Amino acid sequence: MLFQSLLTNLLNSYNIRKNDLAIKLDVSPTMITYFTNGKKQPTIEQFKKICNYLEKKGITQDELVNLMDSFIFIKSGIDPKVREDELKKEINSTDLDILERQVIKRFRNLNDENKEIIFEHIDKLERSQK
């Protein structure tokens, strides 16, 4: 399921008002609407705050994992329509070259702020290639 759909469903299921979530994230309620309709994506820091807030509201571990998975998809630029088993097969593939493995290893060592910067740079590079 898409991140925006999952977030909307969780907010509805747990009777969470967008205004309340906006206050916790220190953003406008309009920004939460953008998150729930897919017009904008939260930063990694905002996403952490969303998860923390939802955990306090009683979200289950399975729901949290699903939300995290969907967030990773949008941040990685992976087409959300790709079937999950195909994606897992690609990620777990042993045909990653040395450079790709080094990039993954180094990326894992970055803090969240720097990971966000990397995603922004990748987005710019991909747009410049089109």
C-alpha atoms as a PDB file:
ATOM      1  CA  MET A   1       0.000   0.000   0.000  1.00  0.00           C
ATOM      2  CA  LEU A   2       1.189   3.528  -0.710  1.00  0.00           C
ATOM      3  CA  PHE A   3       2.580   5.629   2.134  1.00  0.00           C
ATOM      4  CA  GLN A   4      -0.119   8.294   1.845  1.00  0.00           C
ATOM      5  CA  SER A   5      -2.885   5.664   1.963  1.00  0.00           C
ATOM      6  CA  LEU A   6      -1.360   3.920   4.963  1.00  0.00           C
ATOM      7  CA  LEU A   7      -0.905   7.198   6.825  1.00  0.00           C
ATOM      8  CA  THR A   8      -4.492   8.232   6.082  1.00  0.00           C
ATOM      9  CA  ASN A   9      -5.822   4.850   7.226  1.00  0.00           C
ATOM     10  CA  LEU A  10      -3.802   4.996  10.455  1.00  0.00           C
ATOM     11  CA  LEU A  11      -4.939   8.520  11.248  1.00  0.00           C
ATOM     12  CA  ASN A  12      -8.556   7.450  10.700  1.00  0.00           C
ATOM     13  CA  SER A  13      -8.218   4.134  12.564  1.00  0.00           C
ATOM     14  CA  TYR A  14      -6.735   5.772  15.633  1.00  0.00           C
ATOM     15  CA  ASN A  15      -8.958   8.865  15.477  1.00  0.00           C
ATOM     16  CA  ILE A  16      -5.972  11.175  15.072  1.00  0.00           C
ATOM     17  CA  ARG A  17      -6.723  14.642  13.784  1.00  0.00           C
ATOM     18  CA  LYS A  18      -4.352  16.114  11.228  1.00  0.00           C
ATOM     19  CA  ASN A  19      -4.110  19.241  13.380  1.00  0.00           C
ATOM     20  CA  ASP A  20      -2.825  17.193  16.332  1.00  0.00           C
ATOM     21  CA  LEU A  21      -0.195  15.476  14.203  1.00  0.00           C
ATOM     22  CA  ALA A  22       0.796  18.827  12.676  1.00  0.00           C
ATOM     23  CA  ILE A  23       1.430  20.236  16.146  1.00  0.00           C
ATOM     24  CA  LYS A  24       3.677  17.271  17.036  1.00  0.00           C
ATOM     25  CA  LEU A  25       5.634  17.706  13.793  1.00  0.00           C
ATOM     26  CA  ASP A  26       5.725  21.488  14.060  1.00  0.00           C
ATOM     27  CA  VAL A  27       4.235  21.868  10.583  1.00  0.00           C
ATOM     28  CA  SER A  28       0.985  23.264   9.262  1.00  0.00           C
ATOM     29  CA  PRO A  29      -2.102  21.053   8.993  1.00  0.00           C
ATOM     30  CA  THR A  30      -1.872  21.681   5.247  1.00  0.00           C
ATOM     31  CA  MET A  31       1.477  19.883   5.214  1.00  0.00           C
ATOM     32  CA  ILE A  32      -0.142  16.830   6.809  1.00  0.00           C
ATOM     33  CA  THR A  33      -2.796  16.964   4.081  1.00  0.00           C
ATOM     34  CA  TYR A  34       0.004  17.035   1.494  1.00  0.00           C
ATOM     35  CA  PHE A  35       1.493  13.923   3.132  1.00  0.00           C
ATOM     36  CA  THR A  36      -1.844  12.108   3.084  1.00  0.00           C
ATOM     37  CA  ASN A  37      -2.648  12.946  -0.533  1.00  0.00           C
ATOM     38  CA  GLY A  38       0.862  12.260  -1.815  1.00  0.00           C
ATOM     39  CA  LYS A  39       1.673  15.814  -2.920  1.00  0.00           C
ATOM     40  CA  LYS A  40       4.646  15.981  -0.538  1.00  0.00           C
ATOM     41  CA  GLN A  41       6.746  13.497   1.365  1.00  0.00           C
ATOM     42  CA  PRO A  42       7.918  13.904   4.941  1.00  0.00           C
ATOM     43  CA  THR A  43      11.599  14.242   5.622  1.00  0.00           C
ATOM     44  CA  ILE A  44      13.280  11.432   7.511  1.00  0.00           C
ATOM     45  CA  GLU A  45      13.129  13.519  10.689  1.00  0.00           C
ATOM     46  CA  GLN A  46       9.418  14.216  10.188  1.00  0.00           C
ATOM     47  CA  PHE A  47       8.813  10.547   9.508  1.00  0.00           C
ATOM     48  CA  LYS A  48      10.502   9.607  12.795  1.00  0.00           C
ATOM     49  CA  LYS A  49       8.215  12.039  14.615  1.00  0.00           C
ATOM     50  CA  ILE A  50       5.179  10.558  12.860  1.00  0.00           C
ATOM     51  CA  CYS A  51       6.204   7.060  13.972  1.00  0.00           C
ATOM     52  CA  ASN A  52       6.864   8.166  17.551  1.00  0.00           C
ATOM     53  CA  TYR A  53       3.500   9.903  17.729  1.00  0.00           C
ATOM     54  CA  LEU A  54       1.648   6.929  16.254  1.00  0.00           C
ATOM     55  CA  GLU A  55       3.396   4.558  18.666  1.00  0.00           C
ATOM     56  CA  LYS A  56       2.140   6.643  21.588  1.00  0.00           C
ATOM     57  CA  LYS A  57      -1.350   6.385  20.111  1.00  0.00           C
ATOM     58  CA  GLY A  58      -1.162   2.580  20.121  1.00  0.00           C
ATOM     59  CA  ILE A  59      -0.133   1.657  16.571  1.00  0.00           C
ATOM     60  CA  THR A  60       0.790  -2.035  16.288  1.00  0.00           C
ATOM     61  CA  GLN A  61       4.279  -3.187  15.335  1.00  0.00           C
ATOM     62  CA  ASP A  62       2.937  -4.638  12.066  1.00  0.00           C
ATOM     63  CA  GLU A  63       1.327  -1.317  11.158  1.00  0.00           C
ATOM     64  CA  LEU A  64       4.534   0.512  11.992  1.00  0.00           C
ATOM     65  CA  VAL A  65       6.616  -1.855   9.840  1.00  0.00           C
ATOM     66  CA  ASN A  66       4.195  -1.437   6.929  1.00  0.00           C
ATOM     67  CA  LEU A  67       4.391   2.348   7.258  1.00  0.00           C
ATOM     68  CA  MET A  68       8.202   2.200   7.351  1.00  0.00           C
ATOM     69  CA  ASP A  69       8.329  -0.035   4.281  1.00  0.00           C
ATOM     70  CA  SER A  70       6.075   2.306   2.318  1.00  0.00           C
ATOM     71  CA  PHE A  71       8.174   5.303   3.391  1.00  0.00           C
ATOM     72  CA  ILE A  72      11.368   3.595   2.240  1.00  0.00           C
ATOM     73  CA  PHE A  73       9.746   2.949  -1.152  1.00  0.00           C
ATOM     74  CA  ILE A  74       8.907   6.617  -1.716  1.00  0.00           C
ATOM     75  CA  LYS A  75      12.299   7.814  -0.501  1.00  0.00           C
ATOM     76  CA  SER A  76      14.159   5.342  -2.680  1.00  0.00           C
ATOM     77  CA  GLY A  77      12.193   6.291  -5.781  1.00  0.00           C
ATOM     78  CA  ILE A  78      11.011   2.716  -6.236  1.00  0.00           C
ATOM     79  CA  ASP A  79       7.778   2.459  -8.169  1.00  0.00           C
ATOM     80  CA  PRO A  80       5.191   1.482  -5.528  1.00  0.00           C
ATOM     81  CA  LYS A  81       3.466  -0.742  -8.064  1.00  0.00           C
ATOM     82  CA  VAL A  82       6.455  -3.089  -8.136  1.00  0.00           C
ATOM     83  CA  ARG A  83       5.471  -6.353  -6.531  1.00  0.00           C
ATOM     84  CA  GLU A  84       7.036  -6.837  -3.120  1.00  0.00           C
ATOM     85  CA  ASP A  85       8.551 -10.244  -3.896  1.00  0.00           C
ATOM     86  CA  GLU A  86      10.261  -8.862  -7.007  1.00  0.00           C
ATOM     87  CA  LEU A  87      11.677  -6.004  -4.988  1.00  0.00           C
ATOM     88  CA  LYS A  88      12.953  -8.326  -2.250  1.00  0.00           C
ATOM     89  CA  LYS A  89      14.555 -10.530  -4.881  1.00  0.00           C
ATOM     90  CA  GLU A  90      16.335  -7.520  -6.389  1.00  0.00           C
ATOM     91  CA  ILE A  91      17.511  -6.181  -3.029  1.00  0.00           C
ATOM     92  CA  ASN A  92      18.745  -9.585  -1.841  1.00  0.00           C
ATOM     93  CA  SER A  93      20.416 -10.345  -5.137  1.00  0.00           C
ATOM     94  CA  THR A  94      24.074 -11.266  -4.906  1.00  0.00           C
ATOM     95  CA  ASP A  95      24.853  -9.554  -8.187  1.00  0.00           C
ATOM     96  CA  LEU A  96      25.555  -6.189  -6.551  1.00  0.00           C
ATOM     97  CA  ASP A  97      28.934  -5.008  -7.704  1.00  0.00           C
ATOM     98  CA  ILE A  98      31.618  -3.830  -5.294  1.00  0.00           C
ATOM     99  CA  LEU A  99      30.781  -0.158  -5.767  1.00  0.00           C
ATOM    100  CA  GLU A 100      27.085  -0.727  -5.000  1.00  0.00           C
ATOM    101  CA  ARG A 101      27.963  -2.647  -1.843  1.00  0.00           C
ATOM    102  CA  GLN A 102      30.327   0.120  -0.738  1.00  0.00           C
ATOM    103  CA  VAL A 103      27.632   2.744  -1.310  1.00  0.00           C
ATOM    104  CA  ILE A 104      25.135   0.778   0.773  1.00  0.00           C
ATOM    105  CA  LYS A 105      27.642   0.211   3.561  1.00  0.00           C
ATOM    106  CA  ARG A 106      28.637   3.878   3.689  1.00  0.00           C
ATOM    107  CA  PHE A 107      25.014   5.043   3.461  1.00  0.00           C
ATOM    108  CA  ARG A 108      24.102   2.965   6.513  1.00  0.00           C
ATOM    109  CA  ASN A 109      26.743   4.819   8.539  1.00  0.00           C
ATOM    110  CA  LEU A 110      25.241   8.265   7.829  1.00  0.00           C
ATOM    111  CA  ASN A 111      22.963  10.076  10.244  1.00  0.00           C
ATOM    112  CA  ASP A 112      19.376  10.769   9.166  1.00  0.00           C
ATOM    113  CA  GLU A 113      20.071  14.356   8.160  1.00  0.00           C
ATOM    114  CA  ASN A 114      22.829  13.299   5.786  1.00  0.00           C
ATOM    115  CA  LYS A 115      20.711  10.456   4.397  1.00  0.00           C
ATOM    116  CA  GLU A 116      18.051  13.043   3.536  1.00  0.00           C
ATOM    117  CA  ILE A 117      20.699  15.127   1.746  1.00  0.00           C
ATOM    118  CA  ILE A 118      21.783  12.066  -0.243  1.00  0.00           C
ATOM    119  CA  PHE A 119      18.180  11.421  -1.331  1.00  0.00           C
ATOM    120  CA  GLU A 120      17.863  15.055  -2.435  1.00  0.00           C
ATOM    121  CA  HIS A 121      21.070  14.814  -4.489  1.00  0.00           C
ATOM    122  CA  ILE A 122      19.960  11.566  -6.099  1.00  0.00           C
ATOM    123  CA  ASP A 123      16.639  13.176  -7.030  1.00  0.00           C
ATOM    124  CA  LYS A 124      18.473  16.095  -8.662  1.00  0.00           C
ATOM    125  CA  LEU A 125      20.828  13.789 -10.557  1.00  0.00           C
ATOM    126  CA  GLU A 126      17.963  11.645 -11.824  1.00  0.00           C
ATOM    127  CA  ARG A 127      16.037  14.709 -13.012  1.00  0.00           C
ATOM    128  CA  SER A 128      19.120  16.040 -14.809  1.00  0.00           C
ATOM    129  CA  GLN A 129      19.477  12.763 -16.757  1.00  0.00           C
ATOM    130  CA  LYS A 130      15.982  12.907 -18.239  1.00  0.00           C
END
